[in-house]
N, C-alpha and C. Protein backbone atom coordinates (compact mmCIF):
# COMPACT_ATOMS: atom_id res chain seq x y z
N MET A 1 39.92 107.70 111.93
CA MET A 1 39.34 106.39 111.54
C MET A 1 40.43 105.68 110.60
N ASN A 2 40.67 104.38 110.92
CA ASN A 2 41.62 103.58 110.15
C ASN A 2 40.96 103.25 108.82
N THR A 3 41.88 103.40 107.77
CA THR A 3 41.41 102.93 106.47
C THR A 3 41.72 101.51 106.19
N ILE A 4 40.68 100.77 105.79
CA ILE A 4 40.77 99.35 105.54
C ILE A 4 40.69 99.06 104.00
N THR A 5 41.78 98.40 103.48
CA THR A 5 41.84 98.08 102.06
C THR A 5 41.02 96.76 101.89
N ILE A 6 40.00 96.77 101.19
CA ILE A 6 39.21 95.55 101.04
C ILE A 6 39.67 94.68 99.87
N LEU A 7 40.22 95.35 98.80
CA LEU A 7 40.70 94.59 97.69
C LEU A 7 41.96 95.30 97.15
N GLU A 8 42.93 94.42 96.70
CA GLU A 8 44.14 94.99 96.01
C GLU A 8 44.54 93.97 94.99
N THR A 9 45.02 94.53 93.82
CA THR A 9 45.58 93.67 92.84
C THR A 9 47.08 94.00 92.70
N LYS A 10 47.87 92.94 92.55
CA LYS A 10 49.35 93.21 92.37
C LYS A 10 49.77 92.51 91.16
N ASP A 11 50.29 93.41 90.25
CA ASP A 11 50.94 92.91 88.93
C ASP A 11 50.01 91.88 88.22
N LEU A 12 48.69 92.15 88.19
CA LEU A 12 47.77 91.32 87.68
C LEU A 12 47.85 91.26 86.07
N CYS A 13 48.06 90.12 85.55
CA CYS A 13 48.18 89.96 84.11
C CYS A 13 47.21 88.88 83.56
N VAL A 14 46.51 89.22 82.45
CA VAL A 14 45.58 88.30 81.77
C VAL A 14 45.87 88.21 80.29
N ASN A 15 45.83 87.07 79.72
CA ASN A 15 46.04 86.88 78.26
C ASN A 15 44.73 86.38 77.64
N TYR A 16 44.44 86.92 76.47
CA TYR A 16 43.44 86.36 75.60
C TYR A 16 44.06 85.91 74.27
N SER A 17 43.89 84.65 74.05
CA SER A 17 44.47 84.06 72.75
C SER A 17 45.81 84.52 72.46
N GLY A 18 46.70 84.56 73.48
CA GLY A 18 48.06 84.91 73.27
C GLY A 18 48.35 86.37 73.36
N ILE A 19 47.27 87.17 73.40
CA ILE A 19 47.48 88.67 73.45
C ILE A 19 47.21 89.06 74.92
N GLN A 20 48.24 89.90 75.40
CA GLN A 20 48.11 90.40 76.83
C GLN A 20 47.05 91.47 76.96
N ALA A 21 45.98 91.05 77.64
CA ALA A 21 44.78 91.95 77.76
C ALA A 21 44.97 92.95 79.06
N LEU A 22 45.68 92.31 80.10
CA LEU A 22 45.97 93.18 81.22
C LEU A 22 47.44 93.07 81.50
N LYS A 23 48.06 94.20 81.73
CA LYS A 23 49.55 94.25 81.96
C LYS A 23 49.87 94.84 83.36
N ASN A 24 50.17 93.96 84.28
CA ASN A 24 50.67 94.39 85.64
C ASN A 24 49.75 95.47 86.24
N ILE A 25 48.45 95.08 86.32
CA ILE A 25 47.54 95.97 87.01
C ILE A 25 47.63 96.03 88.48
N ASN A 26 47.87 97.24 88.97
CA ASN A 26 48.03 97.35 90.49
C ASN A 26 46.96 98.52 90.89
N LEU A 27 46.03 97.98 91.57
CA LEU A 27 45.00 98.93 92.15
C LEU A 27 44.54 98.49 93.47
N TYR A 28 43.90 99.37 94.18
CA TYR A 28 43.35 99.00 95.56
C TYR A 28 42.01 99.80 95.69
N ILE A 29 41.16 99.15 96.60
CA ILE A 29 39.89 99.70 96.90
C ILE A 29 39.73 99.68 98.44
N ASN A 30 39.41 100.82 99.02
CA ASN A 30 39.22 100.84 100.47
C ASN A 30 37.72 100.65 100.73
N SER A 31 37.52 100.06 101.95
CA SER A 31 36.17 99.82 102.34
C SER A 31 35.29 101.05 102.36
N GLY A 32 34.12 100.96 101.75
CA GLY A 32 33.22 102.14 101.70
C GLY A 32 33.43 103.09 100.53
N GLU A 33 34.44 102.80 99.70
CA GLU A 33 34.63 103.69 98.59
C GLU A 33 33.89 103.30 97.30
N VAL A 34 33.79 104.26 96.43
CA VAL A 34 33.34 104.02 95.06
C VAL A 34 34.63 104.34 94.25
N VAL A 35 35.15 103.34 93.54
CA VAL A 35 36.32 103.51 92.69
C VAL A 35 35.97 103.18 91.26
N THR A 36 36.26 104.04 90.37
CA THR A 36 35.86 103.84 88.94
C THR A 36 37.07 103.56 87.99
N LEU A 37 36.80 102.70 87.04
CA LEU A 37 37.79 102.43 86.01
C LEU A 37 37.27 103.11 84.74
N ILE A 38 38.09 103.99 84.16
CA ILE A 38 37.63 104.53 82.84
C ILE A 38 38.72 104.30 81.81
N GLY A 39 38.20 104.37 80.56
CA GLY A 39 39.01 104.13 79.41
C GLY A 39 38.26 103.78 78.25
N ALA A 40 38.93 103.72 77.05
CA ALA A 40 38.25 103.42 75.82
C ALA A 40 37.72 102.03 75.76
N ASN A 41 36.86 101.72 74.78
CA ASN A 41 36.54 100.37 74.52
C ASN A 41 37.75 99.52 74.30
N GLY A 42 37.90 98.37 74.95
CA GLY A 42 39.01 97.44 74.71
C GLY A 42 40.17 97.75 75.54
N ALA A 43 40.10 98.70 76.52
CA ALA A 43 41.16 99.11 77.35
C ALA A 43 41.51 98.09 78.42
N GLY A 44 40.58 97.23 78.81
CA GLY A 44 40.72 96.23 79.86
C GLY A 44 39.80 96.42 81.06
N LYS A 45 38.91 97.31 81.01
CA LYS A 45 38.12 97.54 82.14
C LYS A 45 37.25 96.35 82.60
N THR A 46 36.37 95.78 81.57
CA THR A 46 35.63 94.70 81.90
C THR A 46 36.53 93.48 82.16
N THR A 47 37.61 93.36 81.56
CA THR A 47 38.51 92.18 81.82
C THR A 47 38.95 92.23 83.24
N THR A 48 39.27 93.48 83.74
CA THR A 48 39.74 93.54 85.14
C THR A 48 38.60 93.05 86.08
N LEU A 49 37.38 93.47 85.87
CA LEU A 49 36.30 92.96 86.73
C LEU A 49 36.16 91.41 86.57
N ARG A 50 36.23 90.85 85.37
CA ARG A 50 36.08 89.45 85.24
C ARG A 50 37.29 88.74 85.83
N ALA A 51 38.46 89.28 85.91
CA ALA A 51 39.57 88.67 86.56
C ALA A 51 39.32 88.59 88.09
N ILE A 52 38.79 89.70 88.66
CA ILE A 52 38.61 89.82 90.10
C ILE A 52 37.59 88.72 90.51
N SER A 53 36.48 88.65 89.68
CA SER A 53 35.43 87.62 90.04
C SER A 53 35.74 86.25 89.54
N LYS A 54 36.93 86.02 88.99
CA LYS A 54 37.50 84.79 88.54
C LYS A 54 36.71 84.11 87.39
N ILE A 55 35.99 84.96 86.62
CA ILE A 55 35.30 84.42 85.48
C ILE A 55 36.20 84.02 84.32
N ILE A 56 37.33 84.68 84.38
CA ILE A 56 38.39 84.34 83.34
C ILE A 56 39.63 83.92 84.01
N ASN A 57 40.51 83.18 83.27
CA ASN A 57 41.81 82.72 83.78
C ASN A 57 42.82 83.89 83.93
N ILE A 58 43.65 83.86 84.91
CA ILE A 58 44.62 84.81 85.23
C ILE A 58 46.01 84.20 84.96
N LYS A 59 46.81 84.96 84.22
CA LYS A 59 48.17 84.49 83.88
C LYS A 59 49.09 84.56 85.10
N SER A 60 49.10 85.69 85.70
CA SER A 60 50.01 85.93 86.88
C SER A 60 49.55 87.06 87.69
N GLY A 61 50.17 87.22 88.90
CA GLY A 61 49.80 88.28 89.81
C GLY A 61 48.99 87.85 90.97
N GLU A 62 48.51 88.77 91.77
CA GLU A 62 47.78 88.52 93.00
C GLU A 62 46.55 89.35 93.04
N ILE A 63 45.52 88.69 93.67
CA ILE A 63 44.32 89.51 94.03
C ILE A 63 44.05 89.29 95.53
N LEU A 64 44.22 90.30 96.23
CA LEU A 64 44.07 90.19 97.69
C LEU A 64 42.78 90.81 98.08
N TYR A 65 42.00 89.91 98.79
CA TYR A 65 40.64 90.37 99.38
C TYR A 65 40.80 90.22 100.91
N SER A 66 40.61 91.33 101.53
CA SER A 66 40.75 91.41 103.00
C SER A 66 42.07 90.73 103.42
N GLY A 67 43.15 91.02 102.58
CA GLY A 67 44.45 90.61 102.90
C GLY A 67 44.81 89.17 102.49
N ARG A 68 43.75 88.42 101.94
CA ARG A 68 44.08 87.06 101.56
C ARG A 68 44.07 86.93 99.99
N ASN A 69 45.11 86.14 99.55
CA ASN A 69 45.19 86.01 98.07
C ASN A 69 44.10 85.02 97.62
N ILE A 70 43.27 85.47 96.70
CA ILE A 70 42.11 84.67 96.27
C ILE A 70 42.28 84.17 94.83
N ILE A 71 43.58 84.26 94.29
CA ILE A 71 43.82 84.01 92.93
C ILE A 71 43.41 82.49 92.54
N LYS A 72 43.46 81.63 93.41
CA LYS A 72 43.12 80.25 93.10
C LYS A 72 41.72 79.85 93.46
N ARG A 73 40.90 80.82 93.90
CA ARG A 73 39.54 80.46 94.28
C ARG A 73 38.64 80.46 93.00
N PRO A 74 37.70 79.50 92.96
CA PRO A 74 36.74 79.54 91.85
C PRO A 74 35.71 80.48 92.00
N PRO A 75 34.95 80.79 90.91
CA PRO A 75 33.97 81.91 90.98
C PRO A 75 32.90 81.90 92.16
N HIS A 76 32.39 80.61 92.40
CA HIS A 76 31.38 80.53 93.43
C HIS A 76 31.87 80.86 94.85
N GLU A 77 33.20 80.53 95.04
CA GLU A 77 33.77 80.88 96.33
C GLU A 77 34.04 82.31 96.44
N ILE A 78 34.32 83.02 95.31
CA ILE A 78 34.57 84.43 95.32
C ILE A 78 33.21 85.10 95.82
N VAL A 79 32.05 84.57 95.33
CA VAL A 79 30.78 85.19 95.82
C VAL A 79 30.56 84.99 97.25
N LYS A 80 30.93 83.77 97.75
CA LYS A 80 30.83 83.48 99.20
C LYS A 80 31.66 84.31 100.01
N LEU A 81 32.78 84.74 99.49
CA LEU A 81 33.65 85.60 100.22
C LEU A 81 33.12 87.04 100.47
N GLY A 82 32.27 87.44 99.49
CA GLY A 82 31.64 88.77 99.64
C GLY A 82 31.80 89.65 98.43
N ILE A 83 32.05 89.07 97.27
CA ILE A 83 32.26 89.82 96.04
C ILE A 83 31.24 89.46 95.09
N ALA A 84 30.35 90.42 94.66
CA ALA A 84 29.33 90.17 93.68
C ALA A 84 29.62 90.94 92.40
N HIS A 85 29.06 90.39 91.27
CA HIS A 85 29.50 91.00 89.94
C HIS A 85 28.07 91.16 89.19
N SER A 86 27.87 92.51 88.87
CA SER A 86 26.79 92.77 87.99
C SER A 86 27.36 93.04 86.69
N PRO A 87 27.16 92.07 85.68
CA PRO A 87 27.98 92.15 84.36
C PRO A 87 27.42 93.13 83.41
N GLU A 88 28.33 93.40 82.44
CA GLU A 88 27.95 94.17 81.28
C GLU A 88 26.88 93.47 80.53
N GLY A 89 25.87 94.18 80.03
CA GLY A 89 24.79 93.41 79.23
C GLY A 89 23.74 92.88 80.06
N ARG A 90 23.81 93.10 81.38
CA ARG A 90 22.78 92.59 82.43
C ARG A 90 22.69 91.07 82.57
N ARG A 91 22.50 90.38 81.47
CA ARG A 91 22.52 88.98 81.44
C ARG A 91 21.55 88.36 82.55
N VAL A 92 20.32 88.85 82.65
CA VAL A 92 19.33 88.31 83.38
C VAL A 92 18.86 87.03 82.63
N LEU A 93 18.23 86.17 83.47
CA LEU A 93 17.59 84.91 82.84
C LEU A 93 16.26 85.25 82.26
N ALA A 94 16.22 85.47 80.92
CA ALA A 94 15.08 86.05 80.28
C ALA A 94 13.81 85.21 80.39
N LYS A 95 13.87 83.88 80.54
CA LYS A 95 12.66 83.08 80.59
C LYS A 95 12.33 82.69 82.03
N GLN A 96 12.92 83.39 82.98
CA GLN A 96 12.61 83.31 84.36
C GLN A 96 12.06 84.62 84.90
N THR A 97 11.19 84.46 85.94
CA THR A 97 10.58 85.70 86.51
C THR A 97 11.62 86.58 87.27
N VAL A 98 11.17 87.74 87.50
CA VAL A 98 12.02 88.68 88.32
C VAL A 98 12.29 88.03 89.62
N TYR A 99 11.34 87.43 90.25
CA TYR A 99 11.45 86.71 91.60
C TYR A 99 12.44 85.66 91.45
N ASP A 100 12.42 84.80 90.46
CA ASP A 100 13.29 83.74 90.28
C ASP A 100 14.79 84.13 90.08
N ASN A 101 14.88 85.24 89.35
CA ASN A 101 16.28 85.72 89.12
C ASN A 101 16.89 86.22 90.53
N LEU A 102 16.03 86.82 91.33
CA LEU A 102 16.51 87.23 92.65
C LEU A 102 16.84 86.10 93.49
N MET A 103 16.09 85.07 93.41
CA MET A 103 16.44 83.77 94.17
C MET A 103 17.67 83.20 93.70
N LEU A 104 17.97 83.31 92.34
CA LEU A 104 19.30 82.76 91.92
C LEU A 104 20.43 83.52 92.58
N GLY A 105 20.29 84.82 92.74
CA GLY A 105 21.25 85.69 93.35
C GLY A 105 21.62 85.27 94.77
N ALA A 106 20.70 84.59 95.39
CA ALA A 106 20.87 84.17 96.87
C ALA A 106 21.36 82.73 96.97
N PHE A 107 22.00 82.16 95.93
CA PHE A 107 22.29 80.78 95.93
C PHE A 107 23.22 80.34 97.00
N ILE A 108 24.00 81.26 97.52
CA ILE A 108 24.96 80.88 98.61
C ILE A 108 24.26 80.87 99.93
N HIS A 109 23.09 81.22 100.16
CA HIS A 109 22.42 81.32 101.47
C HIS A 109 21.36 80.19 101.53
N ASN A 110 21.14 79.80 102.77
CA ASN A 110 20.22 78.72 103.13
C ASN A 110 19.05 79.12 103.89
N ASP A 111 19.09 80.28 104.66
CA ASP A 111 18.13 80.74 105.49
C ASP A 111 16.98 81.30 104.75
N LYS A 112 15.88 80.61 104.50
CA LYS A 112 14.72 81.07 103.75
C LYS A 112 14.06 82.39 104.28
N ALA A 113 14.07 82.53 105.57
CA ALA A 113 13.52 83.77 106.09
C ALA A 113 14.31 85.03 105.77
N LYS A 114 15.69 84.83 105.77
CA LYS A 114 16.50 85.86 105.53
C LYS A 114 16.52 86.17 104.00
N ILE A 115 16.44 85.17 103.11
CA ILE A 115 16.38 85.38 101.75
C ILE A 115 15.08 86.19 101.35
N GLN A 116 13.97 85.78 102.04
CA GLN A 116 12.76 86.49 101.78
C GLN A 116 12.84 87.93 102.23
N ALA A 117 13.58 88.20 103.32
CA ALA A 117 13.77 89.54 103.82
C ALA A 117 14.57 90.31 102.86
N ASP A 118 15.55 89.65 102.25
CA ASP A 118 16.47 90.32 101.34
C ASP A 118 15.71 90.65 100.02
N ILE A 119 14.81 89.79 99.56
CA ILE A 119 13.95 90.04 98.40
C ILE A 119 13.07 91.23 98.75
N LYS A 120 12.50 91.25 99.88
CA LYS A 120 11.68 92.43 100.27
C LYS A 120 12.45 93.70 100.22
N HIS A 121 13.70 93.64 100.67
CA HIS A 121 14.60 94.86 100.70
C HIS A 121 14.89 95.29 99.25
N GLN A 122 15.16 94.32 98.31
CA GLN A 122 15.36 94.66 96.98
C GLN A 122 14.13 95.24 96.33
N PHE A 123 12.95 94.83 96.65
CA PHE A 123 11.76 95.42 96.10
C PHE A 123 11.56 96.88 96.67
N GLU A 124 12.01 97.11 97.96
CA GLU A 124 11.92 98.48 98.50
C GLU A 124 12.89 99.38 97.81
N LEU A 125 14.06 98.86 97.44
CA LEU A 125 15.11 99.54 96.80
C LEU A 125 14.75 99.82 95.27
N PHE A 126 14.07 98.82 94.69
CA PHE A 126 13.65 98.86 93.26
C PHE A 126 12.16 98.71 93.18
N PRO A 127 11.33 99.69 93.39
CA PRO A 127 9.83 99.42 93.41
C PRO A 127 9.34 98.95 92.02
N ARG A 128 9.96 99.26 91.01
CA ARG A 128 9.54 98.72 89.70
C ARG A 128 9.64 97.22 89.63
N LEU A 129 10.64 96.70 90.28
CA LEU A 129 10.73 95.20 90.31
C LEU A 129 9.64 94.63 91.19
N ALA A 130 9.25 95.27 92.24
CA ALA A 130 8.22 94.74 93.03
C ALA A 130 6.86 94.65 92.14
N GLU A 131 6.65 95.62 91.38
CA GLU A 131 5.48 95.56 90.52
C GLU A 131 5.45 94.58 89.45
N ARG A 132 6.74 94.03 89.14
CA ARG A 132 6.89 93.06 88.10
C ARG A 132 7.48 91.78 88.60
N ARG A 133 7.23 91.38 89.82
CA ARG A 133 7.90 90.30 90.45
C ARG A 133 7.59 88.98 89.69
N ASN A 134 6.45 88.83 89.14
CA ASN A 134 6.04 87.61 88.49
C ASN A 134 6.18 87.72 87.00
N GLN A 135 6.75 88.81 86.40
CA GLN A 135 6.88 89.04 85.01
C GLN A 135 8.18 88.39 84.55
N LEU A 136 8.16 87.83 83.40
CA LEU A 136 9.41 87.24 82.83
C LEU A 136 10.57 88.35 82.62
N ALA A 137 11.72 88.11 83.02
CA ALA A 137 12.84 89.11 82.95
C ALA A 137 12.98 89.61 81.49
N GLY A 138 12.85 88.71 80.50
CA GLY A 138 13.13 89.12 79.13
C GLY A 138 12.14 90.06 78.66
N THR A 139 11.00 90.27 79.31
CA THR A 139 9.98 91.30 78.81
C THR A 139 10.12 92.68 79.58
N LEU A 140 11.13 92.77 80.43
CA LEU A 140 11.37 93.98 81.09
C LEU A 140 12.06 94.97 80.14
N SER A 141 11.95 96.29 80.40
CA SER A 141 12.66 97.27 79.58
C SER A 141 14.13 97.18 80.05
N GLY A 142 14.96 97.85 79.21
CA GLY A 142 16.45 97.79 79.45
C GLY A 142 16.78 98.32 80.90
N GLY A 143 16.12 99.44 81.31
CA GLY A 143 16.37 100.02 82.55
C GLY A 143 15.93 99.06 83.71
N GLU A 144 14.81 98.42 83.51
CA GLU A 144 14.33 97.47 84.57
C GLU A 144 15.24 96.18 84.65
N GLN A 145 15.78 95.76 83.39
CA GLN A 145 16.72 94.62 83.49
C GLN A 145 17.99 95.04 84.20
N GLN A 146 18.46 96.30 84.06
CA GLN A 146 19.60 96.70 84.73
C GLN A 146 19.42 96.75 86.25
N MET A 147 18.23 97.21 86.70
CA MET A 147 17.89 97.16 88.12
C MET A 147 17.87 95.75 88.66
N LEU A 148 17.35 94.82 87.75
CA LEU A 148 17.23 93.46 88.26
C LEU A 148 18.66 92.92 88.31
N ALA A 149 19.54 93.16 87.47
CA ALA A 149 20.91 92.74 87.49
C ALA A 149 21.67 93.12 88.73
N ILE A 150 21.45 94.37 89.10
CA ILE A 150 22.01 94.93 90.31
C ILE A 150 21.44 94.30 91.56
N ALA A 151 20.06 94.22 91.49
CA ALA A 151 19.34 93.59 92.73
C ALA A 151 19.80 92.20 92.86
N ARG A 152 19.91 91.42 91.80
CA ARG A 152 20.31 89.95 91.82
C ARG A 152 21.73 89.88 92.48
N ALA A 153 22.62 90.76 92.08
CA ALA A 153 23.97 90.79 92.72
C ALA A 153 23.94 91.08 94.13
N LEU A 154 23.06 91.99 94.57
CA LEU A 154 22.93 92.37 95.99
C LEU A 154 22.34 91.24 96.85
N MET A 155 21.74 90.28 96.20
CA MET A 155 21.02 89.17 97.03
C MET A 155 22.08 88.36 97.73
N SER A 156 23.34 88.36 97.30
CA SER A 156 24.41 87.61 97.98
C SER A 156 24.93 88.37 99.17
N ARG A 157 24.37 89.67 99.41
CA ARG A 157 24.87 90.50 100.52
C ARG A 157 26.38 90.77 100.46
N PRO A 158 26.86 91.27 99.25
CA PRO A 158 28.25 91.53 99.09
C PRO A 158 28.85 92.73 99.88
N LYS A 159 30.07 92.54 100.23
CA LYS A 159 30.82 93.73 100.79
C LYS A 159 31.44 94.46 99.64
N LEU A 160 31.73 93.86 98.50
CA LEU A 160 32.24 94.53 97.34
C LEU A 160 31.46 94.26 96.12
N LEU A 161 30.88 95.24 95.51
CA LEU A 161 30.00 95.09 94.31
C LEU A 161 30.80 95.50 93.00
N LEU A 162 30.99 94.62 92.05
CA LEU A 162 31.55 95.02 90.81
C LEU A 162 30.52 95.33 89.89
N LEU A 163 30.51 96.57 89.40
CA LEU A 163 29.40 97.04 88.48
C LEU A 163 29.92 97.39 87.12
N ASP A 164 29.49 96.71 86.12
CA ASP A 164 30.04 96.85 84.78
C ASP A 164 29.06 97.48 83.81
N GLU A 165 29.31 98.75 83.37
CA GLU A 165 28.55 99.53 82.48
C GLU A 165 27.03 99.59 82.80
N PRO A 166 26.75 100.02 84.00
CA PRO A 166 25.32 100.09 84.43
C PRO A 166 24.41 101.02 83.56
N SER A 167 25.05 102.03 82.85
CA SER A 167 24.20 102.95 82.07
C SER A 167 24.13 102.61 80.57
N LEU A 168 24.84 101.50 80.13
CA LEU A 168 24.92 101.20 78.73
C LEU A 168 23.48 101.01 78.11
N GLY A 169 23.27 101.80 77.08
CA GLY A 169 22.11 101.69 76.25
C GLY A 169 20.82 102.26 76.87
N LEU A 170 20.82 102.99 77.93
CA LEU A 170 19.73 103.40 78.78
C LEU A 170 19.48 104.95 78.43
N ALA A 171 18.21 105.29 78.59
CA ALA A 171 17.82 106.71 78.34
C ALA A 171 18.39 107.48 79.50
N PRO A 172 18.64 108.79 79.24
CA PRO A 172 19.18 109.70 80.30
C PRO A 172 18.47 109.68 81.65
N ALA A 173 17.11 109.68 81.58
CA ALA A 173 16.27 109.70 82.81
C ALA A 173 16.59 108.37 83.65
N ILE A 174 16.75 107.28 82.94
CA ILE A 174 16.94 106.06 83.62
C ILE A 174 18.39 105.96 84.20
N VAL A 175 19.29 106.51 83.43
CA VAL A 175 20.69 106.56 83.94
C VAL A 175 20.80 107.37 85.24
N LYS A 176 20.11 108.40 85.23
CA LYS A 176 20.10 109.28 86.43
C LYS A 176 19.58 108.46 87.65
N GLU A 177 18.46 107.70 87.34
CA GLU A 177 17.89 106.92 88.40
C GLU A 177 18.80 105.80 88.89
N ILE A 178 19.51 105.11 87.91
CA ILE A 178 20.38 104.07 88.26
C ILE A 178 21.52 104.63 89.17
N PHE A 179 22.06 105.78 88.76
CA PHE A 179 23.22 106.30 89.53
C PHE A 179 22.71 106.81 90.89
N THR A 180 21.50 107.27 91.03
CA THR A 180 21.03 107.64 92.33
C THR A 180 20.99 106.38 93.21
N ILE A 181 20.66 105.23 92.77
CA ILE A 181 20.58 103.95 93.36
C ILE A 181 21.99 103.54 93.76
N ILE A 182 23.01 103.82 92.86
CA ILE A 182 24.40 103.44 93.24
C ILE A 182 24.88 104.28 94.46
N GLN A 183 24.55 105.59 94.34
CA GLN A 183 24.91 106.48 95.52
C GLN A 183 24.28 106.12 96.77
N ASN A 184 23.07 105.57 96.74
CA ASN A 184 22.32 105.13 97.88
C ASN A 184 23.04 103.85 98.48
N LEU A 185 23.42 102.97 97.56
CA LEU A 185 24.18 101.80 97.99
C LEU A 185 25.40 102.04 98.71
N ARG A 186 26.15 103.01 98.18
CA ARG A 186 27.39 103.52 98.88
C ARG A 186 27.11 103.93 100.18
N GLU A 187 26.08 104.60 100.47
CA GLU A 187 25.65 105.16 101.76
C GLU A 187 25.30 104.06 102.69
N THR A 188 24.91 102.90 102.21
CA THR A 188 24.55 101.78 103.11
C THR A 188 25.80 100.88 103.49
N GLY A 189 26.97 101.36 102.93
CA GLY A 189 28.22 100.65 103.32
C GLY A 189 28.72 99.73 102.23
N VAL A 190 28.07 99.66 101.10
CA VAL A 190 28.62 98.78 100.03
C VAL A 190 29.69 99.33 99.35
N THR A 191 30.89 98.66 99.21
CA THR A 191 32.00 99.20 98.47
C THR A 191 31.77 98.92 96.98
N ILE A 192 32.09 99.74 96.07
CA ILE A 192 31.78 99.53 94.62
C ILE A 192 33.08 99.87 93.83
N LEU A 193 33.27 98.89 92.89
CA LEU A 193 34.23 99.12 91.79
C LEU A 193 33.44 99.21 90.50
N LEU A 194 33.43 100.35 89.93
CA LEU A 194 32.54 100.76 88.82
C LEU A 194 33.31 100.91 87.48
N VAL A 195 32.77 100.19 86.51
CA VAL A 195 33.21 100.35 85.10
C VAL A 195 32.12 101.06 84.38
N GLU A 196 32.37 102.25 83.79
CA GLU A 196 31.25 103.08 83.27
C GLU A 196 31.78 103.85 81.99
N GLN A 197 30.97 103.74 80.99
CA GLN A 197 31.39 104.40 79.67
C GLN A 197 31.31 105.84 79.82
N ASN A 198 30.29 106.31 80.66
CA ASN A 198 30.10 107.78 80.89
C ASN A 198 31.10 108.19 81.99
N ALA A 199 32.26 108.54 81.59
CA ALA A 199 33.34 108.82 82.53
C ALA A 199 32.98 110.03 83.41
N ASN A 200 32.34 111.05 82.81
CA ASN A 200 32.01 112.29 83.59
C ASN A 200 31.11 111.88 84.64
N LEU A 201 30.05 111.15 84.45
CA LEU A 201 29.11 110.66 85.45
C LEU A 201 29.78 109.83 86.53
N ALA A 202 30.56 108.91 86.07
CA ALA A 202 31.31 108.12 87.03
C ALA A 202 32.19 108.81 87.95
N LEU A 203 32.97 109.75 87.36
CA LEU A 203 33.88 110.55 88.23
C LEU A 203 33.10 111.46 89.20
N GLN A 204 31.90 111.78 88.92
CA GLN A 204 31.06 112.64 89.81
C GLN A 204 30.69 111.96 91.10
N ILE A 205 30.50 110.66 90.94
CA ILE A 205 30.11 109.91 92.17
C ILE A 205 31.21 109.05 92.83
N ALA A 206 32.29 109.00 92.20
CA ALA A 206 33.43 108.13 92.70
C ALA A 206 34.36 108.92 93.70
N ASP A 207 35.06 108.18 94.49
CA ASP A 207 36.12 108.80 95.34
C ASP A 207 37.44 108.91 94.57
N ARG A 208 37.78 107.72 93.94
CA ARG A 208 39.03 107.68 93.19
C ARG A 208 38.76 107.14 91.79
N GLY A 209 39.74 107.18 90.93
CA GLY A 209 39.65 106.58 89.63
C GLY A 209 40.98 106.04 89.13
N TYR A 210 40.87 105.13 88.20
CA TYR A 210 41.97 104.63 87.39
C TYR A 210 41.72 104.76 85.89
N VAL A 211 42.68 105.19 85.19
CA VAL A 211 42.51 105.24 83.70
C VAL A 211 43.25 104.14 83.19
N LEU A 212 42.61 103.36 82.32
CA LEU A 212 43.25 102.13 81.63
C LEU A 212 43.43 102.48 80.15
N GLU A 213 44.57 102.12 79.60
CA GLU A 213 44.77 102.27 78.23
C GLU A 213 45.54 100.99 77.74
N ALA A 214 45.08 100.23 76.75
CA ALA A 214 45.62 99.08 76.21
C ALA A 214 46.04 98.11 77.24
N GLY A 215 45.26 97.95 78.29
CA GLY A 215 45.55 97.04 79.27
C GLY A 215 46.43 97.47 80.45
N SER A 216 46.82 98.68 80.47
CA SER A 216 47.71 99.16 81.47
C SER A 216 47.02 100.41 82.21
N ILE A 217 47.32 100.57 83.50
CA ILE A 217 46.86 101.79 84.15
C ILE A 217 47.97 102.87 83.87
N THR A 218 47.40 104.00 83.30
CA THR A 218 48.19 105.07 82.87
C THR A 218 48.08 106.30 83.79
N LEU A 219 46.97 106.31 84.58
CA LEU A 219 46.76 107.46 85.42
C LEU A 219 45.83 107.00 86.48
N THR A 220 46.07 107.67 87.74
CA THR A 220 45.22 107.40 88.79
C THR A 220 45.21 108.59 89.71
N GLY A 221 44.11 108.77 90.54
CA GLY A 221 44.03 109.88 91.47
C GLY A 221 42.62 110.08 91.98
N ALA A 222 42.45 111.00 92.79
CA ALA A 222 41.15 111.39 93.30
C ALA A 222 40.30 111.66 92.09
N ALA A 223 38.94 111.27 92.22
CA ALA A 223 37.95 111.57 91.11
C ALA A 223 37.89 113.08 90.88
N SER A 224 37.97 113.86 91.91
CA SER A 224 37.85 115.37 91.78
C SER A 224 39.03 115.91 91.01
N GLU A 225 40.17 115.23 91.06
CA GLU A 225 41.34 115.65 90.23
C GLU A 225 41.33 115.18 88.83
N LEU A 226 40.85 113.92 88.64
CA LEU A 226 40.81 113.44 87.27
C LEU A 226 39.80 114.06 86.45
N ILE A 227 38.65 114.47 87.10
CA ILE A 227 37.57 115.09 86.30
C ILE A 227 38.00 116.45 85.69
N THR A 228 39.08 117.04 86.26
CA THR A 228 39.64 118.29 85.74
C THR A 228 40.97 118.18 85.05
N ASP A 229 41.39 116.98 84.98
CA ASP A 229 42.74 116.80 84.40
C ASP A 229 42.59 116.85 82.84
N GLU A 230 43.47 117.72 82.24
CA GLU A 230 43.45 118.00 80.83
C GLU A 230 43.48 116.77 79.98
N ARG A 231 44.25 115.76 80.38
CA ARG A 231 44.32 114.54 79.59
C ARG A 231 43.09 113.71 79.58
N VAL A 232 42.52 113.65 80.79
CA VAL A 232 41.22 112.95 80.86
C VAL A 232 40.11 113.67 80.22
N MET A 233 40.02 114.98 80.37
CA MET A 233 39.05 115.73 79.66
C MET A 233 39.10 115.63 78.19
N LYS A 234 40.24 115.61 77.65
CA LYS A 234 40.49 115.57 76.19
C LYS A 234 40.09 114.24 75.65
N ALA A 235 40.46 113.14 76.39
CA ALA A 235 40.26 111.81 75.97
C ALA A 235 38.94 111.21 76.18
N TYR A 236 38.35 111.49 77.33
CA TYR A 236 37.14 110.80 77.85
C TYR A 236 35.96 111.65 78.23
N LEU A 237 36.06 112.96 78.39
CA LEU A 237 35.05 113.78 78.86
C LEU A 237 34.43 114.61 77.76
N GLY A 238 35.07 114.63 76.54
CA GLY A 238 34.52 115.35 75.44
C GLY A 238 34.49 116.84 75.62
């Protein structure tokens, strides 16, 4: 089987207020993979995802999606191309219902029948959301809001899903449920770039990983190798 690279960054650099937040980031993601970025707070993990989804300005470098440089594309076009972003902190619309949040995720589509079919699919994937379809998102639990954030991103039918800190602030039982869902998504063919504070858990489900330190990639390899690497174990696995 031929390996298809769905996304690649080349010498990606990002500045924040004159400070270089990302320094020549070179990474790639093959179709069907789960790739994780691990590192300490402030290492540049979230910035990398925001750069790919074009939420922030990029100083220099290239972002290749299916072989095309998308560096000049605005955020809404990035979504249309097939990249969806489930951000850190969930950022659901608190005063809108679960159903309305999902509808927002489908903003690039016009076929009402397909949109309703997609909502039905998300309710099958996340039964708790089905039970709360008319509930205001701000009244959901943290775990339910995280499910909604992921479901909303999936409403655009992405080929590549950027997942930022899906376990942040959640109880262990809910974290386990969220990561089971992530594994199930992978099995349906969704490619995932995962930023996760729980490096051990991320490396258990990932194919490959990159270690970021102070805006630079310092280590990369198969997840099975990184999880037993002494440097990774000492710094991130406790």
